C-alpha atoms as a PDB file:
ATOM      1  CA  MET A   1     -11.962 -14.903  73.212  1.00  0.00           C
ATOM      2  CA  SER A   2      -8.441 -13.887  74.163  1.00  0.00           C
ATOM      3  CA  GLY A   3      -5.867 -14.075  71.406  1.00  0.00           C
ATOM      4  CA  ARG A   4      -2.123 -14.305  71.717  1.00  0.00           C
ATOM      5  CA  ILE A   5       0.190 -11.454  70.747  1.00  0.00           C
ATOM      6  CA  ILE A   6       3.509 -12.102  68.997  1.00  0.00           C
ATOM      7  CA  THR A   7       5.825  -9.124  68.579  1.00  0.00           C
ATOM      8  CA  VAL A   8       8.705  -9.410  66.112  1.00  0.00           C
ATOM      9  CA  ALA A   9      11.496  -7.171  67.371  1.00  0.00           C
ATOM     10  CA  GLN A  10      15.135  -6.582  66.517  1.00  0.00           C
ATOM     11  CA  GLN A  11      16.923  -3.259  66.839  1.00  0.00           C
ATOM     12  CA  LYS A  12      19.568  -4.289  64.335  1.00  0.00           C
ATOM     13  CA  GLY A  13      18.427  -3.534  60.805  1.00  0.00           C
ATOM     14  CA  GLY A  14      18.473  -6.082  58.010  1.00  0.00           C
ATOM     15  CA  SER A  15      17.571  -9.043  60.203  1.00  0.00           C
ATOM     16  CA  GLY A  16      14.545 -10.144  58.159  1.00  0.00           C
ATOM     17  CA  LYS A  17      12.034  -8.898  60.711  1.00  0.00           C
ATOM     18  CA  THR A  18       9.202  -8.004  58.330  1.00  0.00           C
ATOM     19  CA  THR A  19       9.640 -11.192  56.308  1.00  0.00           C
ATOM     20  CA  LEU A  20       9.412 -13.235  59.498  1.00  0.00           C
ATOM     21  CA  ALA A  21       6.304 -11.355  60.672  1.00  0.00           C
ATOM     22  CA  ALA A  22       4.479 -11.910  57.375  1.00  0.00           C
ATOM     23  CA  HIS A  23       5.423 -15.571  57.123  1.00  0.00           C
ATOM     24  CA  LEU A  24       4.497 -16.303  60.739  1.00  0.00           C
ATOM     25  CA  ALA A  25       1.118 -14.622  60.295  1.00  0.00           C
ATOM     26  CA  VAL A  26       0.231 -16.679  57.231  1.00  0.00           C
ATOM     27  CA  ALA A  27       1.539 -19.913  58.748  1.00  0.00           C
ATOM     28  CA  LEU A  28      -0.398 -19.379  61.979  1.00  0.00           C
ATOM     29  CA  SER A  29      -3.582 -18.703  60.010  1.00  0.00           C
ATOM     30  CA  GLN A  30      -3.589 -22.231  58.641  1.00  0.00           C
ATOM     31  CA  ARG A  31      -4.666 -23.816  61.916  1.00  0.00           C
ATOM     32  CA  GLY A  32      -6.404 -22.272  64.881  1.00  0.00           C
ATOM     33  CA  PRO A  33      -6.801 -23.503  68.463  1.00  0.00           C
ATOM     34  CA  ASP A  34      -9.835 -25.634  67.520  1.00  0.00           C
ATOM     35  CA  GLY A  35      -8.413 -27.076  64.312  1.00  0.00           C
ATOM     36  CA  ARG A  36     -10.196 -24.456  62.211  1.00  0.00           C
ATOM     37  CA  ARG A  37      -8.479 -21.721  60.221  1.00  0.00           C
ATOM     38  CA  ALA A  38      -7.192 -19.174  62.711  1.00  0.00           C
ATOM     39  CA  GLN A  39      -8.187 -15.529  62.687  1.00  0.00           C
ATOM     40  CA  ILE A  40      -5.047 -13.400  62.324  1.00  0.00           C
ATOM     41  CA  ALA A  41      -4.405  -9.677  62.639  1.00  0.00           C
ATOM     42  CA  VAL A  42      -1.123  -8.083  61.602  1.00  0.00           C
ATOM     43  CA  LEU A  43      -0.115  -4.769  63.145  1.00  0.00           C
ATOM     44  CA  ASP A  44       2.538  -2.615  61.483  1.00  0.00           C
ATOM     45  CA  CYS A  45       4.311  -0.317  63.938  1.00  0.00           C
ATOM     46  CA  ASP A  46       7.275   0.421  61.681  1.00  0.00           C
ATOM     47  CA  PRO A  47       7.083   3.929  60.141  1.00  0.00           C
ATOM     48  CA  GLN A  48       8.840   2.531  57.082  1.00  0.00           C
ATOM     49  CA  GLY A  49       5.629   0.623  56.369  1.00  0.00           C
ATOM     50  CA  SER A  50       7.142  -2.433  54.678  1.00  0.00           C
ATOM     51  CA  LEU A  51       4.526  -4.782  56.118  1.00  0.00           C
ATOM     52  CA  GLY A  52       1.803  -2.444  54.892  1.00  0.00           C
ATOM     53  CA  GLU A  53       3.259  -2.446  51.383  1.00  0.00           C
ATOM     54  CA  TRP A  54       3.374  -6.238  51.480  1.00  0.00           C
ATOM     55  CA  PHE A  55      -0.270  -6.344  52.582  1.00  0.00           C
ATOM     56  CA  GLU A  56      -1.339  -4.001  49.780  1.00  0.00           C
ATOM     57  CA  ALA A  57       0.422  -6.254  47.278  1.00  0.00           C
ATOM     58  CA  ARG A  58      -1.352  -9.204  48.900  1.00  0.00           C
ATOM     59  CA  GLU A  59      -4.729  -7.539  48.419  1.00  0.00           C
ATOM     60  CA  ALA A  60      -3.853  -6.897  44.779  1.00  0.00           C
ATOM     61  CA  ALA A  61      -2.878 -10.540  44.291  1.00  0.00           C
ATOM     62  CA  LEU A  62      -5.638 -12.245  46.289  1.00  0.00           C
ATOM     63  CA  GLY A  63      -8.401  -9.653  46.501  1.00  0.00           C
ATOM     64  CA  GLU A  64      -9.467  -7.693  49.565  1.00  0.00           C
ATOM     65  CA  ASN A  65     -11.401 -10.667  50.934  1.00  0.00           C
ATOM     66  CA  GLY A  66      -8.785 -13.264  50.085  1.00  0.00           C
ATOM     67  CA  THR A  67      -5.799 -12.228  52.176  1.00  0.00           C
ATOM     68  CA  GLY A  68      -6.733 -14.359  55.180  1.00  0.00           C
ATOM     69  CA  LEU A  69      -5.499 -11.535  57.420  1.00  0.00           C
ATOM     70  CA  THR A  70      -6.671  -8.265  58.928  1.00  0.00           C
ATOM     71  CA  PHE A  71      -4.227  -5.362  58.750  1.00  0.00           C
ATOM     72  CA  ARG A  72      -3.841  -2.396  61.094  1.00  0.00           C
ATOM     73  CA  THR A  73      -1.202   0.239  61.839  1.00  0.00           C
ATOM     74  CA  ALA A  74      -0.217   1.938  65.077  1.00  0.00           C
ATOM     75  CA  SER A  75       2.709   3.841  66.524  1.00  0.00           C
ATOM     76  CA  GLY A  76       4.274   4.458  69.899  1.00  0.00           C
ATOM     77  CA  TRP A  77       2.114   3.738  72.906  1.00  0.00           C
ATOM     78  CA  GLY A  78      -0.872   3.280  70.618  1.00  0.00           C
ATOM     79  CA  ALA A  79       0.592  -0.077  69.589  1.00  0.00           C
ATOM     80  CA  ARG A  80      -0.044  -1.579  73.023  1.00  0.00           C
ATOM     81  CA  ARG A  81      -3.661  -0.444  73.065  1.00  0.00           C
ATOM     82  CA  GLU A  82      -4.331  -1.535  69.481  1.00  0.00           C
ATOM     83  CA  ALA A  83      -2.698  -4.944  69.983  1.00  0.00           C
ATOM     84  CA  ARG A  84      -4.731  -5.702  73.100  1.00  0.00           C
ATOM     85  CA  SER A  85      -7.904  -4.564  71.380  1.00  0.00           C
ATOM     86  CA  LEU A  86      -7.236  -6.843  68.403  1.00  0.00           C
ATOM     87  CA  ALA A  87      -6.454  -9.769  70.699  1.00  0.00           C
ATOM     88  CA  ARG A  88     -10.071  -9.708  71.881  1.00  0.00           C
ATOM     89  CA  ASP A  89     -11.270 -10.619  68.392  1.00  0.00           C
ATOM     90  CA  PHE A  90      -8.410 -12.600  66.830  1.00  0.00           C
ATOM     91  CA  ASP A  91      -6.581 -15.836  67.661  1.00  0.00           C
ATOM     92  CA  TYR A  92      -3.177 -14.274  66.996  1.00  0.00           C
ATOM     93  CA  VAL A  93      -1.908 -10.732  66.585  1.00  0.00           C
ATOM     94  CA  VAL A  94       1.502 -10.438  64.886  1.00  0.00           C
ATOM     95  CA  ILE A  95       3.296  -7.103  65.318  1.00  0.00           C
ATOM     96  CA  ASP A  96       6.156  -5.774  63.196  1.00  0.00           C
ATOM     97  CA  THR A  97       8.280  -3.184  65.008  1.00  0.00           C
ATOM     98  CA  PRO A  98      10.838  -0.657  63.748  1.00  0.00           C
ATOM     99  CA  PRO A  99      14.581  -1.203  64.086  1.00  0.00           C
ATOM    100  CA  LYS A 100      16.820   1.209  65.995  1.00  0.00           C
ATOM    101  CA  SER A 101      14.001   2.618  68.132  1.00  0.00           C
ATOM    102  CA  ASP A 102      13.384   1.341  71.638  1.00  0.00           C
ATOM    103  CA  VAL A 103      10.811   4.100  72.204  1.00  0.00           C
ATOM    104  CA  GLU A 104       8.637   2.782  69.360  1.00  0.00           C
ATOM    105  CA  SER A 105       9.262  -0.917  70.076  1.00  0.00           C
ATOM    106  CA  ARG A 106       8.825  -1.000  73.847  1.00  0.00           C
ATOM    107  CA  PRO A 107       4.981  -0.727  73.945  1.00  0.00           C
ATOM    108  CA  ALA A 108       4.648  -3.574  71.424  1.00  0.00           C
ATOM    109  CA  ILE A 109       7.071  -5.688  73.459  1.00  0.00           C
ATOM    110  CA  GLU A 110       5.188  -4.926  76.667  1.00  0.00           C
ATOM    111  CA  ALA A 111       1.905  -6.045  75.080  1.00  0.00           C
ATOM    112  CA  ALA A 112       3.333  -9.302  73.737  1.00  0.00           C
ATOM    113  CA  ASP A 113       2.845 -12.811  75.052  1.00  0.00           C
ATOM    114  CA  LEU A 114       5.993 -13.806  73.142  1.00  0.00           C
ATOM    115  CA  VAL A 115       8.655 -11.776  71.328  1.00  0.00           C
ATOM    116  CA  ALA A 116      10.270 -13.284  68.226  1.00  0.00           C
ATOM    117  CA  VAL A 117      13.827 -12.025  67.733  1.00  0.00           C
ATOM    118  CA  PRO A 118      15.275 -12.806  64.292  1.00  0.00           C
ATOM    119  CA  VAL A 119      19.061 -12.959  64.218  1.00  0.00           C
ATOM    120  CA  GLN A 120      21.569 -14.012  61.600  1.00  0.00           C
ATOM    121  CA  PRO A 121      24.098 -16.605  62.832  1.00  0.00           C
ATOM    122  CA  THR A 122      27.180 -14.416  62.948  1.00  0.00           C
ATOM    123  CA  PRO A 123      29.045 -13.136  66.034  1.00  0.00           C
ATOM    124  CA  ILE A 124      28.442  -9.497  65.047  1.00  0.00           C
ATOM    125  CA  ASP A 125      24.695 -10.021  64.646  1.00  0.00           C
ATOM    126  CA  LEU A 126      24.503 -11.847  67.950  1.00  0.00           C
ATOM    127  CA  TRP A 127      26.401  -9.074  69.744  1.00  0.00           C
ATOM    128  CA  ALA A 128      24.096  -6.471  68.218  1.00  0.00           C
ATOM    129  CA  THR A 129      21.057  -8.403  69.463  1.00  0.00           C
ATOM    130  CA  GLN A 130      21.943  -7.904  73.131  1.00  0.00           C
ATOM    131  CA  SER A 131      20.294  -4.473  73.338  1.00  0.00           C
ATOM    132  CA  THR A 132      17.018  -5.928  72.055  1.00  0.00           C
ATOM    133  CA  LEU A 133      17.164  -8.774  74.555  1.00  0.00           C
ATOM    134  CA  ASP A 134      17.932  -6.341  77.380  1.00  0.00           C
ATOM    135  CA  MET A 135      14.814  -4.349  76.500  1.00  0.00           C
ATOM    136  CA  ILE A 136      12.703  -7.526  76.402  1.00  0.00           C
ATOM    137  CA  ALA A 137      14.068  -8.659  79.770  1.00  0.00           C
ATOM    138  CA  LYS A 138      13.317  -5.257  81.281  1.00  0.00           C
ATOM    139  CA  GLU A 139       9.666  -5.621  80.218  1.00  0.00           C
ATOM    140  CA  GLY A 140       9.555  -9.170  81.613  1.00  0.00           C
ATOM    141  CA  THR A 141       8.248 -10.633  78.354  1.00  0.00           C
ATOM    142  CA  ALA A 142       9.039 -14.137  77.112  1.00  0.00           C
ATOM    143  CA  SER A 143      11.185 -14.309  73.978  1.00  0.00           C
ATOM    144  CA  LEU A 144      12.357 -16.760  71.343  1.00  0.00           C
ATOM    145  CA  LEU A 145      15.406 -16.210  69.173  1.00  0.00           C
ATOM    146  CA  VAL A 146      14.895 -17.223  65.549  1.00  0.00           C
ATOM    147  CA  ILE A 147      18.069 -18.038  63.627  1.00  0.00           C
ATOM    148  CA  ASN A 148      17.502 -16.523  60.189  1.00  0.00           C
ATOM    149  CA  ARG A 149      19.375 -16.800  56.884  1.00  0.00           C
ATOM    150  CA  ALA A 150      21.319 -19.837  58.042  1.00  0.00           C
ATOM    151  CA  GLN A 151      23.409 -21.410  55.321  1.00  0.00           C
ATOM    152  CA  SER A 152      21.857 -24.603  54.008  1.00  0.00           C
ATOM    153  CA  ARG A 153      23.538 -27.829  55.062  1.00  0.00           C
ATOM    154  CA  VAL A 154      26.002 -25.911  57.254  1.00  0.00           C
ATOM    155  CA  ALA A 155      25.885 -26.715  60.944  1.00  0.00           C
ATOM    156  CA  LEU A 156      26.250 -23.879  63.419  1.00  0.00           C
ATOM    157  CA  THR A 157      29.847 -23.607  64.552  1.00  0.00           C
ATOM    158  CA  GLN A 158      30.720 -24.160  68.181  1.00  0.00           C
ATOM    159  CA  GLU A 159      31.516 -20.454  68.413  1.00  0.00           C
ATOM    160  CA  ILE A 160      28.031 -19.448  67.272  1.00  0.00           C
ATOM    161  CA  SER A 161      26.309 -22.093  69.395  1.00  0.00           C
ATOM    162  CA  THR A 162      28.219 -20.875  72.456  1.00  0.00           C
ATOM    163  CA  ALA A 163      27.384 -17.235  71.667  1.00  0.00           C
ATOM    164  CA  ILE A 164      23.670 -18.056  71.362  1.00  0.00           C
ATOM    165  CA  ALA A 165      23.698 -19.872  74.685  1.00  0.00           C
ATOM    166  CA  ALA A 166      25.523 -16.953  76.303  1.00  0.00           C
ATOM    167  CA  LEU A 167      22.665 -14.608  75.413  1.00  0.00           C
ATOM    168  CA  GLY A 168      20.577 -16.395  78.011  1.00  0.00           C
ATOM    169  CA  HIS A 169      17.378 -16.494  75.933  1.00  0.00           C
ATOM    170  CA  PRO A 170      15.821 -19.595  74.360  1.00  0.00           C
ATOM    171  CA  ALA A 171      16.257 -20.168  70.630  1.00  0.00           C
ATOM    172  CA  ALA A 172      13.784 -21.890  68.338  1.00  0.00           C
ATOM    173  CA  LEU A 173      14.816 -25.351  67.232  1.00  0.00           C
ATOM    174  CA  THR A 174      13.737 -24.469  63.686  1.00  0.00           C
ATOM    175  CA  ARG A 175      16.231 -22.368  61.746  1.00  0.00           C
ATOM    176  CA  LEU A 176      15.287 -20.472  58.607  1.00  0.00           C
ATOM    177  CA  GLY A 177      17.592 -21.005  55.667  1.00  0.00           C
ATOM    178  CA  ASN A 178      19.120 -18.355  53.444  1.00  0.00           C
ATOM    179  CA  ARG A 179      16.550 -18.919  50.695  1.00  0.00           C
ATOM    180  CA  VAL A 180      15.660 -16.648  47.781  1.00  0.00           C
ATOM    181  CA  GLY A 181      12.068 -17.836  48.011  1.00  0.00           C
ATOM    182  CA  TYR A 182      11.340 -15.858  51.161  1.00  0.00           C
ATOM    183  CA  ALA A 183      12.140 -12.452  49.681  1.00  0.00           C
ATOM    184  CA  ALA A 184      10.798 -13.339  46.225  1.00  0.00           C
ATOM    185  CA  SER A 185       7.396 -14.297  47.613  1.00  0.00           C
ATOM    186  CA  MET A 186       7.189 -11.103  49.672  1.00  0.00           C
ATOM    187  CA  GLY A 187       7.538  -9.034  46.504  1.00  0.00           C
ATOM    188  CA  HIS A 188       4.224 -10.465  45.303  1.00  0.00           C
ATOM    189  CA  GLY A 189       2.378  -9.984  48.574  1.00  0.00           C
ATOM    190  CA  LEU A 190       2.632 -13.684  49.304  1.00  0.00           C
ATOM    191  CA  THR A 191       4.767 -16.065  51.353  1.00  0.00           C
ATOM    192  CA  VAL A 192       6.809 -19.107  50.458  1.00  0.00           C
ATOM    193  CA  LEU A 193       3.897 -21.162  51.816  1.00  0.00           C
ATOM    194  CA  GLU A 194       1.882 -19.970  48.836  1.00  0.00           C
ATOM    195  CA  THR A 195       4.520 -19.678  46.121  1.00  0.00           C
ATOM    196  CA  GLY A 196       6.281 -22.926  47.033  1.00  0.00           C
ATOM    197  CA  PRO A 197       4.007 -25.187  49.095  1.00  0.00           C
ATOM    198  CA  GLY A 198       5.891 -28.245  50.253  1.00  0.00           C
ATOM    199  CA  SER A 199       9.264 -26.603  49.589  1.00  0.00           C
ATOM    200  CA  LYS A 200      12.055 -26.582  52.165  1.00  0.00           C
ATOM    201  CA  GLY A 201      11.261 -22.962  52.986  1.00  0.00           C
ATOM    202  CA  ALA A 202       7.562 -23.720  53.473  1.00  0.00           C
ATOM    203  CA  LEU A 203       8.352 -26.679  55.718  1.00  0.00           C
ATOM    204  CA  GLU A 204      10.684 -24.491  57.802  1.00  0.00           C
ATOM    205  CA  ILE A 205       7.996 -21.862  58.330  1.00  0.00           C
ATOM    206  CA  GLU A 206       5.364 -24.454  59.198  1.00  0.00           C
ATOM    207  CA  ALA A 207       7.710 -26.033  61.753  1.00  0.00           C
ATOM    208  CA  LEU A 208       8.530 -22.621  63.233  1.00  0.00           C
ATOM    209  CA  ALA A 209       4.848 -21.702  63.514  1.00  0.00           C
ATOM    210  CA  ALA A 210       4.237 -25.011  65.309  1.00  0.00           C
ATOM    211  CA  GLU A 211       6.960 -24.075  67.810  1.00  0.00           C
ATOM    212  CA  PHE A 212       5.300 -20.719  68.452  1.00  0.00           C
ATOM    213  CA  ARG A 213       1.934 -22.417  69.004  1.00  0.00           C
ATOM    214  CA  ARG A 214       3.529 -24.723  71.561  1.00  0.00           C
ATOM    215  CA  HIS A 215       5.238 -21.852  73.382  1.00  0.00           C
ATOM    216  CA  LEU A 216       1.934 -19.991  73.487  1.00  0.00           C
ATOM    217  CA  GLY A 217      -0.007 -23.022  74.638  1.00  0.00           C
ATOM    218  CA  GLY A 218      -1.997 -23.326  71.411  1.00  0.00           C
END
């Protein structure tokens, strides 16, 4: 068995990185390569530990055996080793990385089959994303920009669309809306898939997870 590694990276803070990592992990767990429920490991490499706090809340809400995920932590170069070890036993490994630290993020990016880069659709956020994309390109890893906190029913302006294209990295077709449900569900150790199944937010996450499966050949 050889699982696929998805690293969620963004050096700019406040991009929704941890929320994306948690939601992707749960969404990917719903269907594995053979149609069964996928085996998912989440790896927290952010010293702030937000993903770990979310997982502890998840255990409290669903029980230790009901989370549907396996949780691990690592730091620095240990992240690469831990991720590759987990990939031998799990279908997908989802890694959350710290902002503002290329030293801590680089090993997780190097280990990844695909790097998810959340970015809010503003010129400033897009400009700030360039350093992350440069680091990904240097490691030769495939990436996928994920437009996050997009205003509902508001099309991307030509300026933003042009700026995204200028970054030279592919962007997911699915955009995540600026929805309260994402953050609210995280506070309970859950995701919008569980607190609002069938909601617009849940449908967005399911569509995004399907895109990641396609990019990873699953």
